[in-house]
Amino acid sequence: MVRLNILLLMAVMATALYLVHTQYRSRQLFTELHRTQQEARRLETDHDRLQVEKRAQATPLRVERLAKEQLKMRTTTPAITQYVRPDGTVIPAVAPVETPATPPRTSSLQRPAR
């Protein structure tokens, strides 16, 4: 009978120690979960902030300014545009315009055509 009591006492003690260990581990995991959720919220906030900054950096005016200043790009005009044919010959976009020696005179009494 004494052996049975000692065996039951050891079983109760082992169960109690296991219960304490399980509760301790549960609290550790809950704390880690809470910390991880806070980190996730912080990262989500950072992500949202970075998305706003990204949209602000990609405005058309800023891109155009950077292209002009840093890349030395310029807006296209017909005067600087050239077309290349498949055979490799270059065609200017605008044919050179010959300027007349004297501009034509118009009478101040003439009405413009409608």
PDB file of N, CA and C in Angstrom:
ATOM      1  N   MET A   1       0.821  -1.185   0.000  1.00  0.00           N
ATOM      2  CA  MET A   1       0.000   0.000   0.000  1.00  0.00           C
ATOM      3  C   MET A   1       0.868   1.253   0.000  1.00  0.00           C
ATOM      4  N   VAL A   2       1.951   1.225   0.729  1.00  0.00           N
ATOM      5  CA  VAL A   2       2.851   2.376   0.798  1.00  0.00           C
ATOM      6  C   VAL A   2       3.470   2.606  -0.574  1.00  0.00           C
ATOM      7  N   ARG A   3       3.829   1.543  -1.255  1.00  0.00           N
ATOM      8  CA  ARG A   3       4.428   1.685  -2.585  1.00  0.00           C
ATOM      9  C   ARG A   3       3.431   2.316  -3.561  1.00  0.00           C
ATOM     10  N   LEU A   4       2.193   1.935  -3.452  1.00  0.00           N
ATOM     11  CA  LEU A   4       1.165   2.498  -4.317  1.00  0.00           C
ATOM     12  C   LEU A   4       0.994   3.986  -4.043  1.00  0.00           C
ATOM     13  N   ASN A   5       1.002   4.384  -2.741  1.00  0.00           N
ATOM     14  CA  ASN A   5       0.879   5.805  -2.382  1.00  0.00           C
ATOM     15  C   ASN A   5       2.068   6.597  -2.922  1.00  0.00           C
ATOM     16  N   ILE A   6       3.264   6.053  -2.805  1.00  0.00           N
ATOM     17  CA  ILE A   6       4.465   6.756  -3.305  1.00  0.00           C
ATOM     18  C   ILE A   6       4.385   6.870  -4.828  1.00  0.00           C
ATOM     19  N   LEU A   7       3.968   5.823  -5.478  1.00  0.00           N
ATOM     20  CA  LEU A   7       3.832   5.841  -6.938  1.00  0.00           C
ATOM     21  C   LEU A   7       2.792   6.870  -7.367  1.00  0.00           C
ATOM     22  N   LEU A   8       1.655   6.941  -6.679  1.00  0.00           N
ATOM     23  CA  LEU A   8       0.627   7.933  -7.010  1.00  0.00           C
ATOM     24  C   LEU A   8       1.114   9.352  -6.721  1.00  0.00           C
ATOM     25  N   LEU A   9       1.856   9.523  -5.614  1.00  0.00           N
ATOM     26  CA  LEU A   9       2.414  10.839  -5.274  1.00  0.00           C
ATOM     27  C   LEU A   9       3.388  11.290  -6.351  1.00  0.00           C
ATOM     28  N   MET A  10       4.225  10.396  -6.840  1.00  0.00           N
ATOM     29  CA  MET A  10       5.183  10.737  -7.905  1.00  0.00           C
ATOM     30  C   MET A  10       4.441  11.077  -9.209  1.00  0.00           C
ATOM     31  N   ALA A  11       3.367  10.363  -9.478  1.00  0.00           N
ATOM     32  CA  ALA A  11       2.583  10.638 -10.675  1.00  0.00           C
ATOM     33  C   ALA A  11       1.932  12.015 -10.579  1.00  0.00           C
ATOM     34  N   VAL A  12       1.406  12.356  -9.398  1.00  0.00           N
ATOM     35  CA  VAL A  12       0.790  13.677  -9.192  1.00  0.00           C
ATOM     36  C   VAL A  12       1.850  14.763  -9.327  1.00  0.00           C
ATOM     37  N   MET A  13       3.031  14.552  -8.747  1.00  0.00           N
ATOM     38  CA  MET A  13       4.111  15.549  -8.832  1.00  0.00           C
ATOM     39  C   MET A  13       4.561  15.726 -10.294  1.00  0.00           C
ATOM     40  N   ALA A  14       4.709  14.638 -11.027  1.00  0.00           N
ATOM     41  CA  ALA A  14       5.114  14.716 -12.430  1.00  0.00           C
ATOM     42  C   ALA A  14       4.061  15.460 -13.252  1.00  0.00           C
ATOM     43  N   THR A  15       2.798  15.181 -13.003  1.00  0.00           N
ATOM     44  CA  THR A  15       1.716  15.860 -13.707  1.00  0.00           C
ATOM     45  C   THR A  15       1.704  17.348 -13.374  1.00  0.00           C
ATOM     46  N   ALA A  16       1.934  17.697 -12.115  1.00  0.00           N
ATOM     47  CA  ALA A  16       1.960  19.108 -11.694  1.00  0.00           C
ATOM     48  C   ALA A  16       3.123  19.841 -12.360  1.00  0.00           C
ATOM     49  N   LEU A  17       4.300  19.213 -12.403  1.00  0.00           N
ATOM     50  CA  LEU A  17       5.460  19.842 -13.058  1.00  0.00           C
ATOM     51  C   LEU A  17       5.201  20.018 -14.557  1.00  0.00           C
ATOM     52  N   TYR A  18       4.597  19.028 -15.191  1.00  0.00           N
ATOM     53  CA  TYR A  18       4.271  19.125 -16.614  1.00  0.00           C
ATOM     54  C   TYR A  18       3.278  20.253 -16.863  1.00  0.00           C
ATOM     55  N   LEU A  19       2.290  20.399 -15.968  1.00  0.00           N
ATOM     56  CA  LEU A  19       1.294  21.463 -16.084  1.00  0.00           C
ATOM     57  C   LEU A  19       1.959  22.833 -15.967  1.00  0.00           C
ATOM     58  N   VAL A  20       2.866  22.995 -15.004  1.00  0.00           N
ATOM     59  CA  VAL A  20       3.578  24.264 -14.832  1.00  0.00           C
ATOM     60  C   VAL A  20       4.401  24.569 -16.074  1.00  0.00           C
ATOM     61  N   HIS A  21       5.107  23.553 -16.581  1.00  0.00           N
ATOM     62  CA  HIS A  21       5.919  23.749 -17.786  1.00  0.00           C
ATOM     63  C   HIS A  21       5.046  24.138 -18.984  1.00  0.00           C
ATOM     64  N   THR A  22       3.899  23.504 -19.136  1.00  0.00           N
ATOM     65  CA  THR A  22       2.993  23.783 -20.246  1.00  0.00           C
ATOM     66  C   THR A  22       2.442  25.207 -20.151  1.00  0.00           C
ATOM     67  N   GLN A  23       2.070  25.640 -18.957  1.00  0.00           N
ATOM     68  CA  GLN A  23       1.568  27.008 -18.783  1.00  0.00           C
ATOM     69  C   GLN A  23       2.670  28.034 -19.081  1.00  0.00           C
ATOM     70  N   TYR A  24       3.880  27.739 -18.621  1.00  0.00           N
ATOM     71  CA  TYR A  24       5.007  28.641 -18.868  1.00  0.00           C
ATOM     72  C   TYR A  24       5.262  28.761 -20.377  1.00  0.00           C
ATOM     73  N   ARG A  25       5.274  27.646 -21.079  1.00  0.00           N
ATOM     74  CA  ARG A  25       5.497  27.646 -22.532  1.00  0.00           C
ATOM     75  C   ARG A  25       4.358  28.359 -23.248  1.00  0.00           C
ATOM     76  N   SER A  26       3.123  28.176 -22.756  1.00  0.00           N
ATOM     77  CA  SER A  26       1.972  28.844 -23.352  1.00  0.00           C
ATOM     78  C   SER A  26       2.112  30.363 -23.218  1.00  0.00           C
ATOM     79  N   ARG A  27       2.560  30.823 -22.063  1.00  0.00           N
ATOM     80  CA  ARG A  27       2.757  32.274 -21.866  1.00  0.00           C
ATOM     81  C   ARG A  27       3.867  32.791 -22.768  1.00  0.00           C
ATOM     82  N   GLN A  28       4.933  32.021 -22.932  1.00  0.00           N
ATOM     83  CA  GLN A  28       6.009  32.428 -23.829  1.00  0.00           C
ATOM     84  C   GLN A  28       5.497  32.568 -25.261  1.00  0.00           C
ATOM     85  N   LEU A  29       4.738  31.595 -25.706  1.00  0.00           N
ATOM     86  CA  LEU A  29       4.214  31.628 -27.067  1.00  0.00           C
ATOM     87  C   LEU A  29       3.234  32.781 -27.266  1.00  0.00           C
ATOM     88  N   PHE A  30       2.403  33.059 -26.247  1.00  0.00           N
ATOM     89  CA  PHE A  30       1.465  34.174 -26.350  1.00  0.00           C
ATOM     90  C   PHE A  30       2.218  35.493 -26.445  1.00  0.00           C
ATOM     91  N   THR A  31       3.274  35.651 -25.649  1.00  0.00           N
ATOM     92  CA  THR A  31       4.086  36.873 -25.698  1.00  0.00           C
ATOM     93  C   THR A  31       4.758  37.013 -27.059  1.00  0.00           C
ATOM     94  N   GLU A  32       5.270  35.925 -27.582  1.00  0.00           N
ATOM     95  CA  GLU A  32       5.908  35.959 -28.901  1.00  0.00           C
ATOM     96  C   GLU A  32       4.889  36.299 -29.993  1.00  0.00           C
ATOM     97  N   LEU A  33       3.689  35.741 -29.880  1.00  0.00           N
ATOM     98  CA  LEU A  33       2.629  36.053 -30.837  1.00  0.00           C
ATOM     99  C   LEU A  33       2.276  37.534 -30.790  1.00  0.00           C
ATOM    100  N   HIS A  34       2.145  38.081 -29.600  1.00  0.00           N
ATOM    101  CA  HIS A  34       1.809  39.501 -29.444  1.00  0.00           C
ATOM    102  C   HIS A  34       2.917  40.369 -30.051  1.00  0.00           C
ATOM    103  N   ARG A  35       4.162  40.025 -29.778  1.00  0.00           N
ATOM    104  CA  ARG A  35       5.298  40.775 -30.322  1.00  0.00           C
ATOM    105  C   ARG A  35       5.309  40.698 -31.850  1.00  0.00           C
ATOM    106  N   THR A  36       5.032  39.536 -32.386  1.00  0.00           N
ATOM    107  CA  THR A  36       5.014  39.359 -33.835  1.00  0.00           C
ATOM    108  C   THR A  36       3.881  40.146 -34.478  1.00  0.00           C
ATOM    109  N   GLN A  37       2.728  40.197 -33.833  1.00  0.00           N
ATOM    110  CA  GLN A  37       1.609  40.984 -34.367  1.00  0.00           C
ATOM    111  C   GLN A  37       1.938  42.469 -34.369  1.00  0.00           C
ATOM    112  N   GLN A  38       2.606  42.944 -33.321  1.00  0.00           N
ATOM    113  CA  GLN A  38       3.019  44.344 -33.281  1.00  0.00           C
ATOM    114  C   GLN A  38       4.000  44.642 -34.408  1.00  0.00           C
ATOM    115  N   GLU A  39       4.939  43.729 -34.626  1.00  0.00           N
ATOM    116  CA  GLU A  39       5.913  43.904 -35.709  1.00  0.00           C
ATOM    117  C   GLU A  39       5.207  43.916 -37.066  1.00  0.00           C
ATOM    118  N   ALA A  40       4.210  43.060 -37.230  1.00  0.00           N
ATOM    119  CA  ALA A  40       3.450  43.029 -38.487  1.00  0.00           C
ATOM    120  C   ALA A  40       2.709  44.346 -38.709  1.00  0.00           C
ATOM    121  N   ARG A  41       2.119  44.887 -37.651  1.00  0.00           N
ATOM    122  CA  ARG A  41       1.437  46.187 -37.786  1.00  0.00           C
ATOM    123  C   ARG A  41       2.427  47.289 -38.131  1.00  0.00           C
ATOM    124  N   ARG A  42       3.604  47.259 -37.511  1.00  0.00           N
ATOM    125  CA  ARG A  42       4.628  48.265 -37.799  1.00  0.00           C
ATOM    126  C   ARG A  42       5.089  48.152 -39.252  1.00  0.00           C
ATOM    127  N   LEU A  43       5.318  46.927 -39.712  1.00  0.00           N
ATOM    128  CA  LEU A  43       5.744  46.725 -41.099  1.00  0.00           C
ATOM    129  C   LEU A  43       4.671  47.147 -42.091  1.00  0.00           C
ATOM    130  N   GLU A  44       3.413  46.898 -41.757  1.00  0.00           N
ATOM    131  CA  GLU A  44       2.321  47.318 -42.632  1.00  0.00           C
ATOM    132  C   GLU A  44       2.255  48.840 -42.720  1.00  0.00           C
ATOM    133  N   THR A  45       2.451  49.500 -41.586  1.00  0.00           N
ATOM    134  CA  THR A  45       2.465  50.965 -41.576  1.00  0.00           C
ATOM    135  C   THR A  45       3.632  51.492 -42.409  1.00  0.00           C
ATOM    136  N   ASP A  46       4.805  50.888 -42.258  1.00  0.00           N
ATOM    137  CA  ASP A  46       5.963  51.289 -43.057  1.00  0.00           C
ATOM    138  C   ASP A  46       5.699  51.069 -44.544  1.00  0.00           C
ATOM    139  N   HIS A  47       5.071  49.948 -44.865  1.00  0.00           N
ATOM    140  CA  HIS A  47       4.764  49.652 -46.262  1.00  0.00           C
ATOM    141  C   HIS A  47       3.825  50.706 -46.844  1.00  0.00           C
ATOM    142  N   ASP A  48       2.798  51.062 -46.100  1.00  0.00           N
ATOM    143  CA  ASP A  48       1.863  52.086 -46.566  1.00  0.00           C
ATOM    144  C   ASP A  48       2.584  53.424 -46.761  1.00  0.00           C
ATOM    145  N   ARG A  49       3.452  53.780 -45.810  1.00  0.00           N
ATOM    146  CA  ARG A  49       4.199  55.035 -45.902  1.00  0.00           C
ATOM    147  C   ARG A  49       5.103  55.025 -47.131  1.00  0.00           C
ATOM    148  N   LEU A  50       5.773  53.907 -47.367  1.00  0.00           N
ATOM    149  CA  LEU A  50       6.658  53.805 -48.522  1.00  0.00           C
ATOM    150  C   LEU A  50       5.879  53.844 -49.838  1.00  0.00           C
ATOM    151  N   GLN A  51       4.679  53.283 -49.858  1.00  0.00           N
ATOM    152  CA  GLN A  51       3.855  53.359 -51.059  1.00  0.00           C
ATOM    153  C   GLN A  51       3.477  54.805 -51.362  1.00  0.00           C
ATOM    154  N   VAL A  52       3.155  55.567 -50.313  1.00  0.00           N
ATOM    155  CA  VAL A  52       2.822  56.990 -50.505  1.00  0.00           C
ATOM    156  C   VAL A  52       4.051  57.732 -51.026  1.00  0.00           C
ATOM    157  N   GLU A  53       5.218  57.468 -50.456  1.00  0.00           N
ATOM    158  CA  GLU A  53       6.447  58.116 -50.928  1.00  0.00           C
ATOM    159  C   GLU A  53       6.744  57.734 -52.372  1.00  0.00           C
ATOM    160  N   LYS A  54       6.518  56.488 -52.719  1.00  0.00           N
ATOM    161  CA  LYS A  54       6.759  56.023 -54.082  1.00  0.00           C
ATOM    162  C   LYS A  54       5.862  56.763 -55.068  1.00  0.00           C
ATOM    163  N   ARG A  55       4.578  56.918 -54.694  1.00  0.00           N
ATOM    164  CA  ARG A  55       3.669  57.662 -55.573  1.00  0.00           C
ATOM    165  C   ARG A  55       4.095  59.119 -55.689  1.00  0.00           C
ATOM    166  N   ALA A  56       4.593  59.695 -54.596  1.00  0.00           N
ATOM    167  CA  ALA A  56       5.032  61.089 -54.637  1.00  0.00           C
ATOM    168  C   ALA A  56       6.275  61.238 -55.507  1.00  0.00           C
ATOM    169  N   GLN A  57       7.151  60.235 -55.508  1.00  0.00           N
ATOM    170  CA  GLN A  57       8.375  60.305 -56.298  1.00  0.00           C
ATOM    171  C   GLN A  57       8.109  60.116 -57.791  1.00  0.00           C
ATOM    172  N   ALA A  58       7.015  59.500 -58.139  1.00  0.00           N
ATOM    173  CA  ALA A  58       6.739  59.166 -59.537  1.00  0.00           C
ATOM    174  C   ALA A  58       5.807  60.159 -60.208  1.00  0.00           C
ATOM    175  N   THR A  59       5.699  61.372 -59.697  1.00  0.00           N
ATOM    176  CA  THR A  59       4.835  62.353 -60.351  1.00  0.00           C
ATOM    177  C   THR A  59       5.438  62.743 -61.698  1.00  0.00           C
ATOM    178  N   PRO A  60       4.607  63.022 -62.675  1.00  0.00           N
ATOM    179  CA  PRO A  60       5.128  63.353 -64.011  1.00  0.00           C
ATOM    180  C   PRO A  60       6.069  64.564 -64.011  1.00  0.00           C
ATOM    181  N   LEU A  61       5.772  65.580 -63.204  1.00  0.00           N
ATOM    182  CA  LEU A  61       6.638  66.757 -63.179  1.00  0.00           C
ATOM    183  C   LEU A  61       8.019  66.419 -62.640  1.00  0.00           C
ATOM    184  N   ARG A  62       8.068  65.595 -61.600  1.00  0.00           N
ATOM    185  CA  ARG A  62       9.358  65.221 -61.022  1.00  0.00           C
ATOM    186  C   ARG A  62      10.159  64.368 -62.000  1.00  0.00           C
ATOM    187  N   VAL A  63       9.493  63.442 -62.660  1.00  0.00           N
ATOM    188  CA  VAL A  63      10.183  62.590 -63.631  1.00  0.00           C
ATOM    189  C   VAL A  63      10.729  63.433 -64.778  1.00  0.00           C
ATOM    190  N   GLU A  64       9.943  64.383 -65.248  1.00  0.00           N
ATOM    191  CA  GLU A  64      10.409  65.244 -66.340  1.00  0.00           C
ATOM    192  C   GLU A  64      11.593  66.101 -65.900  1.00  0.00           C
ATOM    193  N   ARG A  65      11.522  66.639 -64.681  1.00  0.00           N
ATOM    194  CA  ARG A  65      12.621  67.458 -64.176  1.00  0.00           C
ATOM    195  C   ARG A  65      13.902  66.634 -64.060  1.00  0.00           C
ATOM    196  N   LEU A  66      13.801  65.427 -63.522  1.00  0.00           N
ATOM    197  CA  LEU A  66      14.981  64.571 -63.392  1.00  0.00           C
ATOM    198  C   LEU A  66      15.530  64.180 -64.763  1.00  0.00           C
ATOM    199  N   ALA A  67      14.640  63.929 -65.713  1.00  0.00           N
ATOM    200  CA  ALA A  67      15.095  63.578 -67.057  1.00  0.00           C
ATOM    201  C   ALA A  67      15.860  64.727 -67.684  1.00  0.00           C
ATOM    202  N   LYS A  68      15.397  65.944 -67.471  1.00  0.00           N
ATOM    203  CA  LYS A  68      16.089  67.102 -68.040  1.00  0.00           C
ATOM    204  C   LYS A  68      17.397  67.386 -67.321  1.00  0.00           C
ATOM    205  N   GLU A  69      17.401  67.343 -65.984  1.00  0.00           N
ATOM    206  CA  GLU A  69      18.584  67.726 -65.223  1.00  0.00           C
ATOM    207  C   GLU A  69      19.644  66.625 -65.201  1.00  0.00           C
ATOM    208  N   GLN A  70      19.265  65.419 -64.839  1.00  0.00           N
ATOM    209  CA  GLN A  70      20.266  64.370 -64.638  1.00  0.00           C
ATOM    210  C   GLN A  70      20.609  63.631 -65.927  1.00  0.00           C
ATOM    211  N   LEU A  71      19.610  63.372 -66.761  1.00  0.00           N
ATOM    212  CA  LEU A  71      19.851  62.590 -67.968  1.00  0.00           C
ATOM    213  C   LEU A  71      20.069  63.475 -69.199  1.00  0.00           C
ATOM    214  N   LYS A  72      19.938  64.785 -69.020  1.00  0.00           N
ATOM    215  CA  LYS A  72      20.125  65.746 -70.115  1.00  0.00           C
ATOM    216  C   LYS A  72      19.217  65.430 -71.305  1.00  0.00           C
ATOM    217  N   MET A  73      17.990  65.038 -71.010  1.00  0.00           N
ATOM    218  CA  MET A  73      17.027  64.750 -72.060  1.00  0.00           C
ATOM    219  C   MET A  73      16.274  66.030 -72.400  1.00  0.00           C
ATOM    220  N   ARG A  74      15.672  66.051 -73.572  1.00  0.00           N
ATOM    221  CA  ARG A  74      14.874  67.209 -73.967  1.00  0.00           C
ATOM    222  C   ARG A  74      13.620  66.740 -74.671  1.00  0.00           C
ATOM    223  N   THR A  75      12.662  67.618 -74.761  1.00  0.00           N
ATOM    224  CA  THR A  75      11.385  67.273 -75.375  1.00  0.00           C
ATOM    225  C   THR A  75      11.571  67.169 -76.886  1.00  0.00           C
ATOM    226  N   THR A  76      10.871  66.256 -77.483  1.00  0.00           N
ATOM    227  CA  THR A  76      11.004  66.090 -78.931  1.00  0.00           C
ATOM    228  C   THR A  76      10.256  67.187 -79.661  1.00  0.00           C
ATOM    229  N   THR A  77      10.842  67.607 -80.736  1.00  0.00           N
ATOM    230  CA  THR A  77      10.208  68.573 -81.638  1.00  0.00           C
ATOM    231  C   THR A  77      10.437  68.064 -83.051  1.00  0.00           C
ATOM    232  N   PRO A  78       9.626  68.492 -83.988  1.00  0.00           N
ATOM    233  CA  PRO A  78       9.843  68.050 -85.374  1.00  0.00           C
ATOM    234  C   PRO A  78      11.217  68.446 -85.906  1.00  0.00           C
ATOM    235  N   ALA A  79      11.796  69.513 -85.392  1.00  0.00           N
ATOM    236  CA  ALA A  79      13.095  69.961 -85.882  1.00  0.00           C
ATOM    237  C   ALA A  79      14.218  68.985 -85.532  1.00  0.00           C
ATOM    238  N   ILE A  80      14.072  68.226 -84.438  1.00  0.00           N
ATOM    239  CA  ILE A  80      15.145  67.313 -84.043  1.00  0.00           C
ATOM    240  C   ILE A  80      14.773  65.848 -84.249  1.00  0.00           C
ATOM    241  N   THR A  81      13.594  65.595 -84.806  1.00  0.00           N
ATOM    242  CA  THR A  81      13.139  64.219 -85.013  1.00  0.00           C
ATOM    243  C   THR A  81      13.624  63.711 -86.359  1.00  0.00           C
ATOM    244  N   GLN A  82      14.103  62.470 -86.369  1.00  0.00           N
ATOM    245  CA  GLN A  82      14.511  61.829 -87.614  1.00  0.00           C
ATOM    246  C   GLN A  82      13.908  60.429 -87.635  1.00  0.00           C
ATOM    247  N   TYR A  83      13.503  60.005 -88.818  1.00  0.00           N
ATOM    248  CA  TYR A  83      12.941  58.670 -88.980  1.00  0.00           C
ATOM    249  C   TYR A  83      13.951  57.827 -89.744  1.00  0.00           C
ATOM    250  N   VAL A  84      14.092  56.578 -89.334  1.00  0.00           N
ATOM    251  CA  VAL A  84      15.038  55.677 -89.980  1.00  0.00           C
ATOM    252  C   VAL A  84      14.245  54.609 -90.726  1.00  0.00           C
ATOM    253  N   ARG A  85      14.570  54.435 -91.994  1.00  0.00           N
ATOM    254  CA  ARG A  85      13.919  53.419 -92.818  1.00  0.00           C
ATOM    255  C   ARG A  85      14.559  52.058 -92.531  1.00  0.00           C
ATOM    256  N   PRO A  86      13.883  50.971 -92.917  1.00  0.00           N
ATOM    257  CA  PRO A  86      14.464  49.639 -92.697  1.00  0.00           C
ATOM    258  C   PRO A  86      15.818  49.443 -93.391  1.00  0.00           C
ATOM    259  N   ASP A  87      16.044  50.184 -94.511  1.00  0.00           N
ATOM    260  CA  ASP A  87      17.325  50.026 -95.197  1.00  0.00           C
ATOM    261  C   ASP A  87      18.434  50.855 -94.551  1.00  0.00           C
ATOM    262  N   GLY A  88      18.120  51.645 -93.534  1.00  0.00           N
ATOM    263  CA  GLY A  88      19.129  52.403 -92.797  1.00  0.00           C
ATOM    264  C   GLY A  88      19.224  53.860 -93.172  1.00  0.00           C
ATOM    265  N   THR A  89      18.473  54.318 -94.159  1.00  0.00           N
ATOM    266  CA  THR A  89      18.522  55.730 -94.526  1.00  0.00           C
ATOM    267  C   THR A  89      17.701  56.548 -93.550  1.00  0.00           C
ATOM    268  N   VAL A  90      18.133  57.775 -93.361  1.00  0.00           N
ATOM    269  CA  VAL A  90      17.495  58.670 -92.387  1.00  0.00           C
ATOM    270  C   VAL A  90      16.657  59.702 -93.126  1.00  0.00           C
ATOM    271  N   ILE A  91      15.438  59.915 -92.637  1.00  0.00           N
ATOM    272  CA  ILE A  91      14.524  60.903 -93.210  1.00  0.00           C
ATOM    273  C   ILE A  91      14.256  61.947 -92.134  1.00  0.00           C
ATOM    274  N   PRO A  92      14.485  63.218 -92.403  1.00  0.00           N
ATOM    275  CA  PRO A  92      14.130  64.234 -91.400  1.00  0.00           C
ATOM    276  C   PRO A  92      12.607  64.343 -91.292  1.00  0.00           C
ATOM    277  N   ALA A  93      12.136  64.623 -90.110  1.00  0.00           N
ATOM    278  CA  ALA A  93      10.693  64.712 -89.888  1.00  0.00           C
ATOM    279  C   ALA A  93      10.105  65.930 -90.576  1.00  0.00           C
ATOM    280  N   VAL A  94      10.864  67.010 -90.624  1.00  0.00           N
ATOM    281  CA  VAL A  94      10.378  68.239 -91.248  1.00  0.00           C
ATOM    282  C   VAL A  94      11.358  68.606 -92.342  1.00  0.00           C
ATOM    283  N   ALA A  95      10.836  68.845 -93.530  1.00  0.00           N
ATOM    284  CA  ALA A  95      11.692  69.263 -94.637  1.00  0.00           C
ATOM    285  C   ALA A  95      12.184  70.667 -94.364  1.00  0.00           C
ATOM    286  N   PRO A  96      13.433  70.965 -94.710  1.00  0.00           N
ATOM    287  CA  PRO A  96      13.935  72.327 -94.474  1.00  0.00           C
ATOM    288  C   PRO A  96      13.099  73.352 -95.236  1.00  0.00           C
ATOM    289  N   VAL A  97      12.777  74.427 -94.578  1.00  0.00           N
ATOM    290  CA  VAL A  97      11.929  75.471 -95.150  1.00  0.00           C
ATOM    291  C   VAL A  97      12.817  76.587 -95.676  1.00  0.00           C
ATOM    292  N   GLU A  98      12.584  76.943 -96.925  1.00  0.00           N
ATOM    293  CA  GLU A  98      13.343  78.046 -97.510  1.00  0.00           C
ATOM    294  C   GLU A  98      12.630  79.347 -97.174  1.00  0.00           C
ATOM    295  N   THR A  99      13.369  80.314 -96.680  1.00  0.00           N
ATOM    296  CA  THR A  99      12.765  81.601 -96.331  1.00  0.00           C
ATOM    297  C   THR A  99      12.835  82.528 -97.543  1.00  0.00           C
ATOM    298  N   PRO A 100      11.731  83.171 -97.881  1.00  0.00           N
ATOM    299  CA  PRO A 100      11.753  84.091 -99.034  1.00  0.00           C
ATOM    300  C   PRO A 100      12.581  85.328 -98.706  1.00  0.00           C
ATOM    301  N   ALA A 101      13.121  85.947 -99.735  1.00  0.00           N
ATOM    302  CA  ALA A 101      13.961  87.129 -99.556  1.00  0.00           C
ATOM    303  C   ALA A 101      13.154  88.289 -98.997  1.00  0.00           C
ATOM    304  N   THR A 102      11.949  88.523 -99.545  1.00  0.00           N
ATOM    305  CA  THR A 102      11.093  89.593 -99.033  1.00  0.00           C
ATOM    306  C   THR A 102       9.724  89.012 -98.756  1.00  0.00           C
ATOM    307  N   PRO A 103       9.152  89.335 -97.598  1.00  0.00           N
ATOM    308  CA  PRO A 103       7.823  88.809 -97.302  1.00  0.00           C
ATOM    309  C   PRO A 103       6.776  89.442 -98.209  1.00  0.00           C
ATOM    310  N   PRO A 104       5.725  88.729 -98.574  1.00  0.00           N
ATOM    311  CA  PRO A 104       4.674  89.313 -99.434  1.00  0.00           C
ATOM    312  C   PRO A 104       3.919  90.401 -98.682  1.00  0.00           C
ATOM    313  N   ARG A 105       3.555  91.419 -99.423  1.00  0.00           N
ATOM    314  CA  ARG A 105       2.837  92.538 -98.809  1.00  0.00           C
ATOM    315  C   ARG A 105       1.343  92.296 -98.900  1.00  0.00           C
ATOM    316  N   THR A 106       0.662  92.712 -97.859  1.00  0.00           N
ATOM    317  CA  THR A 106      -0.791  92.631 -97.875  1.00  0.00           C
ATOM    318  C   THR A 106      -1.351  94.009 -97.651  1.00  0.00           C
ATOM    319  N   SER A 107      -2.419  94.254 -98.281  1.00  0.00           N
ATOM    320  CA  SER A 107      -3.061  95.551 -98.145  1.00  0.00           C
ATOM    321  C   SER A 107      -3.841  95.588 -96.847  1.00  0.00           C
ATOM    322  N   SER A 108      -3.863  96.705 -96.188  1.00  0.00           N
ATOM    323  CA  SER A 108      -4.595  96.820 -94.937  1.00  0.00           C
ATOM    324  C   SER A 108      -6.101  96.836 -95.179  1.00  0.00           C
ATOM    325  N   LEU A 109      -6.528  97.031 -96.432  1.00  0.00           N
ATOM    326  CA  LEU A 109      -7.935  97.054 -96.736  1.00  0.00           C
ATOM    327  C   LEU A 109      -8.495  95.665 -97.053  1.00  0.00           C
ATOM    328  N   GLN A 110      -7.641  94.731 -97.271  1.00  0.00           N
ATOM    329  CA  GLN A 110      -8.107  93.382 -97.612  1.00  0.00           C
ATOM    330  C   GLN A 110      -8.642  92.690 -96.363  1.00  0.00           C
ATOM    331  N   ARG A 111      -9.698  91.965 -96.576  1.00  0.00           N
ATOM    332  CA  ARG A 111     -10.251  91.189 -95.461  1.00  0.00           C
ATOM    333  C   ARG A 111      -9.676  89.780 -95.533  1.00  0.00           C
ATOM    334  N   PRO A 112      -9.460  89.170 -94.362  1.00  0.00           N
ATOM    335  CA  PRO A 112      -8.957  87.784 -94.393  1.00  0.00           C
ATOM    336  C   PRO A 112     -10.029  86.846 -94.921  1.00  0.00           C
ATOM    337  N   ALA A 113      -9.609  85.807 -95.612  1.00  0.00           N
ATOM    338  CA  ALA A 113     -10.532  84.843 -96.192  1.00  0.00           C
ATOM    339  C   ALA A 113     -11.208  84.037 -95.073  1.00  0.00           C
ATOM    340  N   ARG A 114     -12.483  83.754 -95.288  1.00  0.00           N
ATOM    341  CA  ARG A 114     -13.214  83.015 -94.252  1.00  0.00           C
ATOM    342  C   ARG A 114     -13.520  81.637 -94.716  1.00  0.00           C
TER     343      ARG A 114
END
